[in-house]
Protein backbone atom coordinates (compact mmCIF):
# COMPACT_ATOMS: atom_id res chain seq x y z
CA MET A 1 -45.62 -37.69 -44.50
CA GLN A 2 -47.54 -34.69 -43.19
CA VAL A 3 -49.42 -35.15 -39.92
CA THR A 4 -53.01 -33.86 -39.75
CA ARG A 5 -53.52 -32.05 -36.44
CA LEU A 6 -56.61 -30.95 -34.53
CA SER A 7 -56.55 -27.68 -32.62
CA THR A 8 -56.73 -27.90 -28.84
CA GLY A 9 -58.74 -24.67 -28.86
CA ILE A 10 -55.93 -22.97 -26.89
CA ASP A 11 -53.67 -20.99 -29.21
CA LYS A 12 -50.49 -21.19 -27.12
CA LEU A 13 -50.93 -24.90 -26.48
CA ASP A 14 -51.31 -25.48 -30.24
CA GLU A 15 -48.04 -23.63 -30.72
CA LEU A 16 -46.28 -25.83 -28.14
CA LEU A 17 -47.64 -28.92 -29.94
CA ALA A 18 -46.41 -27.92 -33.42
CA GLY A 19 -49.97 -27.12 -34.45
CA GLY A 20 -52.17 -29.36 -32.31
CA ILE A 21 -53.06 -32.99 -31.57
CA PRO A 22 -52.27 -35.54 -34.31
CA GLU A 23 -55.51 -36.92 -35.71
CA GLY A 24 -56.49 -40.32 -34.31
CA PHE A 25 -54.52 -39.93 -31.08
CA PHE A 26 -55.64 -40.99 -27.60
CA VAL A 27 -54.45 -38.17 -25.33
CA ALA A 28 -54.43 -38.44 -21.53
CA LEU A 29 -55.01 -35.29 -19.49
CA THR A 30 -53.79 -36.19 -16.02
CA GLY A 31 -53.59 -34.37 -12.69
CA MET A 32 -55.22 -33.60 -9.38
CA PRO A 33 -58.72 -32.05 -9.15
CA GLY A 34 -58.88 -28.32 -9.75
CA THR A 35 -55.94 -28.10 -12.14
CA GLY A 36 -57.83 -27.25 -15.34
CA LYS A 37 -58.34 -30.59 -17.08
CA THR A 38 -62.08 -30.20 -17.69
CA ILE A 39 -61.66 -26.65 -19.00
CA ALA A 40 -59.04 -27.91 -21.46
CA CYS A 41 -61.62 -30.48 -22.60
CA LEU A 42 -64.21 -27.74 -23.12
CA HIS A 43 -61.74 -25.83 -25.29
CA TYR A 44 -61.07 -28.94 -27.38
CA ILE A 45 -64.76 -29.56 -28.07
CA TRP A 46 -65.54 -25.89 -28.70
CA ALA A 47 -62.70 -25.68 -31.24
CA GLY A 48 -64.41 -28.43 -33.22
CA LEU A 49 -67.87 -26.92 -32.93
CA ARG A 50 -66.60 -23.53 -34.15
CA ASP A 51 -65.16 -25.26 -37.21
CA GLY A 52 -68.49 -26.87 -38.05
CA GLU A 53 -67.67 -30.30 -36.62
CA ARG A 54 -69.93 -32.52 -34.56
CA CYS A 55 -68.58 -33.71 -31.22
CA ILE A 56 -69.20 -36.08 -28.30
CA TYR A 57 -68.54 -35.36 -24.62
CA VAL A 58 -68.80 -38.05 -21.91
CA THR A 59 -69.06 -36.69 -18.37
CA THR A 60 -68.73 -39.12 -15.45
CA GLU A 61 -68.06 -36.87 -12.44
CA GLU A 62 -70.29 -33.87 -13.24
CA SER A 63 -73.80 -33.64 -14.62
CA ARG A 64 -74.52 -32.61 -18.19
CA GLU A 65 -75.99 -29.35 -16.87
CA SER A 66 -72.78 -28.59 -14.97
CA ILE A 67 -70.70 -29.05 -18.11
CA ILE A 68 -73.04 -26.75 -20.07
CA ARG A 69 -72.83 -24.06 -17.36
CA GLN A 70 -69.05 -24.23 -17.21
CA ALA A 71 -68.79 -23.93 -20.97
CA GLU A 72 -71.13 -20.92 -20.97
CA GLN A 73 -68.93 -19.26 -18.33
CA PHE A 74 -66.19 -19.17 -20.98
CA ASN A 75 -68.49 -18.14 -23.85
CA MET A 76 -68.69 -21.65 -25.26
CA HIS A 77 -72.31 -22.30 -26.21
CA PHE A 78 -72.73 -26.03 -25.65
CA GLU A 79 -76.48 -25.91 -25.09
CA GLU A 80 -77.01 -24.22 -28.43
CA ALA A 81 -74.79 -26.81 -30.12
CA MET A 82 -76.87 -29.60 -28.57
CA GLU A 83 -80.09 -28.01 -29.80
CA ASP A 84 -78.59 -27.74 -33.29
CA GLY A 85 -77.69 -31.44 -33.26
CA ASP A 86 -73.93 -30.83 -33.33
CA LEU A 87 -73.07 -32.02 -29.82
CA ILE A 88 -74.08 -34.98 -27.68
CA ILE A 89 -73.15 -34.97 -23.99
CA ILE A 90 -73.37 -38.46 -22.49
CA ASP A 91 -74.11 -38.19 -18.76
CA ALA A 92 -72.82 -41.04 -16.60
CA LEU A 93 -73.55 -39.30 -13.29
CA MET A 94 -77.26 -38.51 -13.09
CA ARG A 95 -78.63 -41.72 -14.70
CA GLU A 96 -81.95 -40.32 -15.83
CA HIS A 97 -84.01 -43.26 -17.13
CA GLU A 98 -85.95 -41.17 -19.61
CA ASP A 99 -82.78 -39.60 -21.03
CA GLU A 100 -81.44 -41.28 -24.15
CA TRP A 101 -77.89 -40.09 -23.46
CA SER A 102 -77.56 -41.08 -19.80
CA LEU A 103 -75.70 -44.20 -18.72
CA GLN A 104 -77.76 -46.54 -16.59
CA ASP A 105 -74.71 -48.62 -15.76
CA VAL A 106 -71.37 -46.90 -15.18
CA SER A 107 -69.26 -49.42 -17.01
CA VAL A 108 -66.76 -49.25 -19.83
CA GLU A 109 -68.96 -51.47 -21.99
CA GLU A 110 -72.05 -49.29 -21.52
CA MET A 111 -70.04 -46.14 -22.22
CA LEU A 112 -68.60 -47.55 -25.45
CA LYS A 113 -72.07 -48.59 -26.58
CA LYS A 114 -73.41 -45.05 -26.07
CA ILE A 115 -70.42 -43.44 -27.77
CA ILE A 116 -70.90 -45.60 -30.85
CA GLU A 117 -74.63 -44.82 -30.87
CA ALA A 118 -73.82 -41.12 -30.67
CA LYS A 119 -71.32 -41.40 -33.52
CA LYS A 120 -73.94 -43.07 -35.70
CA ARG A 121 -76.43 -40.34 -34.82
CA LEU A 122 -74.07 -37.46 -35.54
CA GLY A 123 -72.41 -38.93 -38.60
CA ARG A 124 -69.22 -40.61 -39.71
CA ASP A 125 -67.25 -37.34 -39.78
CA THR A 126 -67.59 -36.95 -36.01
CA ARG A 127 -64.03 -37.25 -34.73
CA ARG A 128 -63.66 -35.26 -31.49
CA LEU A 129 -64.43 -37.19 -28.31
CA VAL A 130 -63.88 -36.30 -24.65
CA ILE A 131 -64.11 -38.81 -21.78
CA ASP A 132 -64.03 -36.83 -18.53
CA SER A 133 -62.99 -38.78 -16.60
CA MET A 134 -61.86 -42.36 -17.12
CA SER A 135 -61.09 -42.73 -13.41
CA ALA A 136 -64.77 -43.26 -12.60
CA PHE A 137 -64.67 -46.66 -14.31
CA TRP A 138 -62.08 -48.17 -11.98
CA LEU A 139 -62.86 -46.61 -8.61
CA ARG A 140 -63.67 -50.03 -7.14
CA ALA A 141 -60.85 -51.83 -8.92
CA PRO A 142 -57.82 -49.60 -9.67
CA VAL A 143 -55.91 -52.65 -10.88
CA LYS A 144 -58.28 -52.70 -13.87
CA ALA A 145 -57.19 -49.25 -15.03
CA ARG A 146 -54.64 -50.37 -17.58
CA GLU A 147 -56.88 -53.12 -18.95
CA HIS A 148 -59.87 -50.80 -19.30
CA SER A 149 -57.80 -48.05 -20.90
CA TYR A 150 -56.39 -50.44 -23.47
CA PHE A 151 -59.88 -51.81 -24.23
CA VAL A 152 -61.32 -48.30 -24.73
CA LYS A 153 -58.48 -47.26 -27.02
CA ARG A 154 -58.64 -50.46 -29.07
CA ILE A 155 -62.41 -50.25 -29.65
CA LEU A 156 -62.63 -46.53 -30.33
CA SER A 157 -59.65 -46.46 -32.68
CA LYS A 158 -61.82 -48.36 -35.14
CA TRP A 159 -64.29 -45.47 -35.09
CA HIS A 160 -61.64 -42.88 -36.00
CA PHE A 161 -61.89 -40.65 -32.95
CA THR A 162 -59.28 -38.23 -31.67
CA ILE A 163 -59.73 -38.55 -27.93
CA TYR A 164 -59.14 -36.45 -24.83
CA ALA A 165 -59.43 -38.70 -21.76
CA THR A 166 -58.90 -37.24 -18.30
CA SER A 167 -57.56 -39.15 -15.32
CA GLN A 168 -57.70 -37.94 -11.73
CA TYR A 169 -54.67 -37.99 -9.45
CA ALA A 170 -55.24 -38.42 -5.72
CA ILE A 171 -55.03 -35.25 -3.63
CA THR A 172 -53.36 -37.13 -0.77
CA THR A 173 -50.58 -38.80 -2.75
CA GLY A 174 -50.46 -36.94 -6.06
CA SER A 175 -50.49 -40.32 -7.78
CA ALA A 176 -52.78 -41.74 -10.44
CA PHE A 177 -55.57 -44.16 -9.61
CA GLY A 178 -54.31 -47.37 -11.15
CA TRP A 179 -51.55 -46.06 -13.41
CA GLY A 180 -53.42 -47.26 -16.47
CA ILE A 181 -54.27 -44.54 -18.93
CA GLU A 182 -50.67 -43.25 -19.30
CA HIS A 183 -49.48 -46.64 -20.55
CA VAL A 184 -51.75 -46.64 -23.60
CA ALA A 185 -51.85 -42.92 -24.37
CA ASP A 186 -50.30 -41.46 -27.51
CA GLY A 187 -49.89 -38.20 -25.65
CA ILE A 188 -49.84 -37.06 -22.01
CA ILE A 189 -50.57 -33.51 -20.83
CA HIS A 190 -50.00 -33.30 -17.08
CA PHE A 191 -51.80 -30.59 -15.11
CA LYS A 192 -50.30 -29.60 -11.76
CA LYS A 193 -50.71 -27.06 -8.99
CA ARG A 194 -48.79 -25.70 -6.04
CA VAL A 195 -48.99 -22.82 -3.58
CA ILE A 196 -46.39 -20.09 -4.08
CA ARG A 197 -46.22 -17.33 -1.45
CA GLY A 198 -49.72 -18.24 -0.32
CA VAL A 199 -51.24 -18.14 -3.81
CA LEU A 200 -52.47 -21.16 -5.79
CA ARG A 201 -50.62 -21.54 -9.10
CA ARG A 202 -51.60 -23.94 -11.85
CA TYR A 203 -49.35 -25.18 -14.62
CA LEU A 204 -49.11 -27.88 -17.26
CA ILE A 205 -46.37 -29.79 -19.00
CA ILE A 206 -46.55 -31.87 -22.19
CA GLU A 207 -44.93 -35.07 -21.02
CA LYS A 208 -45.46 -37.02 -24.23
CA MET A 209 -46.85 -36.49 -27.72
CA ARG A 210 -45.85 -38.92 -30.42
CA GLN A 211 -44.96 -37.60 -33.88
CA THR A 212 -44.61 -34.12 -32.37
CA PRO A 213 -41.56 -31.95 -31.58
CA HIS A 214 -43.32 -30.55 -28.52
CA ASP A 215 -42.20 -28.02 -25.92
CA LEU A 216 -40.61 -29.55 -22.81
CA ARG A 217 -41.13 -26.71 -20.35
CA ALA A 218 -43.74 -26.38 -17.60
CA TRP A 219 -46.12 -23.52 -18.40
CA GLU A 220 -48.05 -21.52 -15.85
CA ILE A 221 -51.75 -21.29 -16.64
CA GLU A 222 -54.61 -19.06 -15.57
CA ILE A 223 -58.34 -19.67 -15.75
CA VAL A 224 -59.92 -16.44 -16.96
CA ASN A 225 -63.65 -15.82 -16.68
CA GLY A 226 -65.19 -15.32 -20.12
CA LYS A 227 -62.11 -16.69 -21.85
CA GLY A 228 -61.06 -20.01 -20.33
CA LEU A 229 -57.62 -21.52 -19.89
CA VAL A 230 -54.69 -19.30 -20.81
CA LEU A 231 -51.00 -20.23 -20.85
CA THR A 232 -49.08 -17.25 -19.51
CA LYS A 233 -45.36 -18.04 -19.20
CA PRO A 234 -42.87 -20.86 -18.64
CA LEU A 235 -42.59 -21.73 -14.96
CA ALA A 236 -39.66 -20.03 -13.25
CA ARG A 237 -36.71 -22.30 -12.52
CA ARG A 238 -36.59 -23.42 -8.90
CA MET A 239 -33.66 -24.47 -6.72
CA GLU A 240 -35.22 -27.94 -6.48
CA ASP A 241 -34.90 -28.29 -10.25
CA GLU A 242 -31.12 -27.86 -10.01
CA VAL A 243 -30.33 -29.85 -6.86
CA LEU A 244 -29.56 -33.55 -7.06
CA PRO A 245 -32.01 -35.96 -5.36
CA GLU A 246 -31.46 -36.36 -1.61
CA LYS A 247 -30.41 -40.03 -1.92
CA VAL A 248 -27.71 -39.07 -4.40
CA MET A 249 -26.53 -36.24 -2.15
CA GLN A 250 -26.32 -38.62 0.83
CA ARG A 251 -24.24 -41.06 -1.18
CA ILE A 252 -21.87 -38.30 -2.26
CA ARG A 253 -21.49 -37.16 1.35
CA ARG A 254 -20.71 -40.72 2.49
CA ILE A 255 -18.04 -41.11 -0.17
CA LEU A 256 -16.46 -37.78 0.76
CA GLU A 257 -16.48 -38.70 4.46
CA GLU A 258 -14.85 -42.06 3.75
CA GLU A 259 -12.15 -40.40 1.65
CA TYR A 260 -11.57 -37.82 4.42
CA GLU A 261 -11.14 -40.56 7.05
CA GLU A 262 -8.52 -42.30 4.92
CA VAL A 263 -6.40 -39.16 4.63
């Protein structure tokens, strides 16, 4: 059975995913702040808009205006799409009472209600949805992350969305807030960063994508003004990638020392 795929809006990423995201999937974009997750979301929505689709974008950590400005920086005309009735950006940050598409209560239930209203407004063929980010809904209760993620996926699957949902990782620990979204995701694209010779480098790796013979390498990425997110090359192999974990090395050394003492 042939799988229908939606373009990510990034040509090289589509290639690594055998053509794109399988329709109906819930895809988690995870990683620390500043790694390129939001820009990947902009690409995904813009790919749909260019193909004549209508789309929904939920922003929880930036204002609607900030998302529009970022998109324009990469020649993605979100404001024009909104004026044409092809895009609804649901703003969970600013909470403007007079704004129909602002959340007054930052809760999963309120967000789902607005998404469904937006789908009804745009039409049944609306299938691209971004939630950027899900982490805002469990800041006070990280233990709720898995429960909330499952609830969102279960409800929205009935509305035939193909979803990008971002999840922030903590700067201090590099770990997810709550470890929830990965458990329910059909696909995981992990965005990372590190400093090499004093220069910040960003890269991504497709950790999971069901029904897809995807690439397993880490790819270095660049954020190019006027163009967006570009995959440049597979990340160079490091010594750390070849060396066994320290605990394993310690165990091997102990065994060798014990054998030496017996001789």
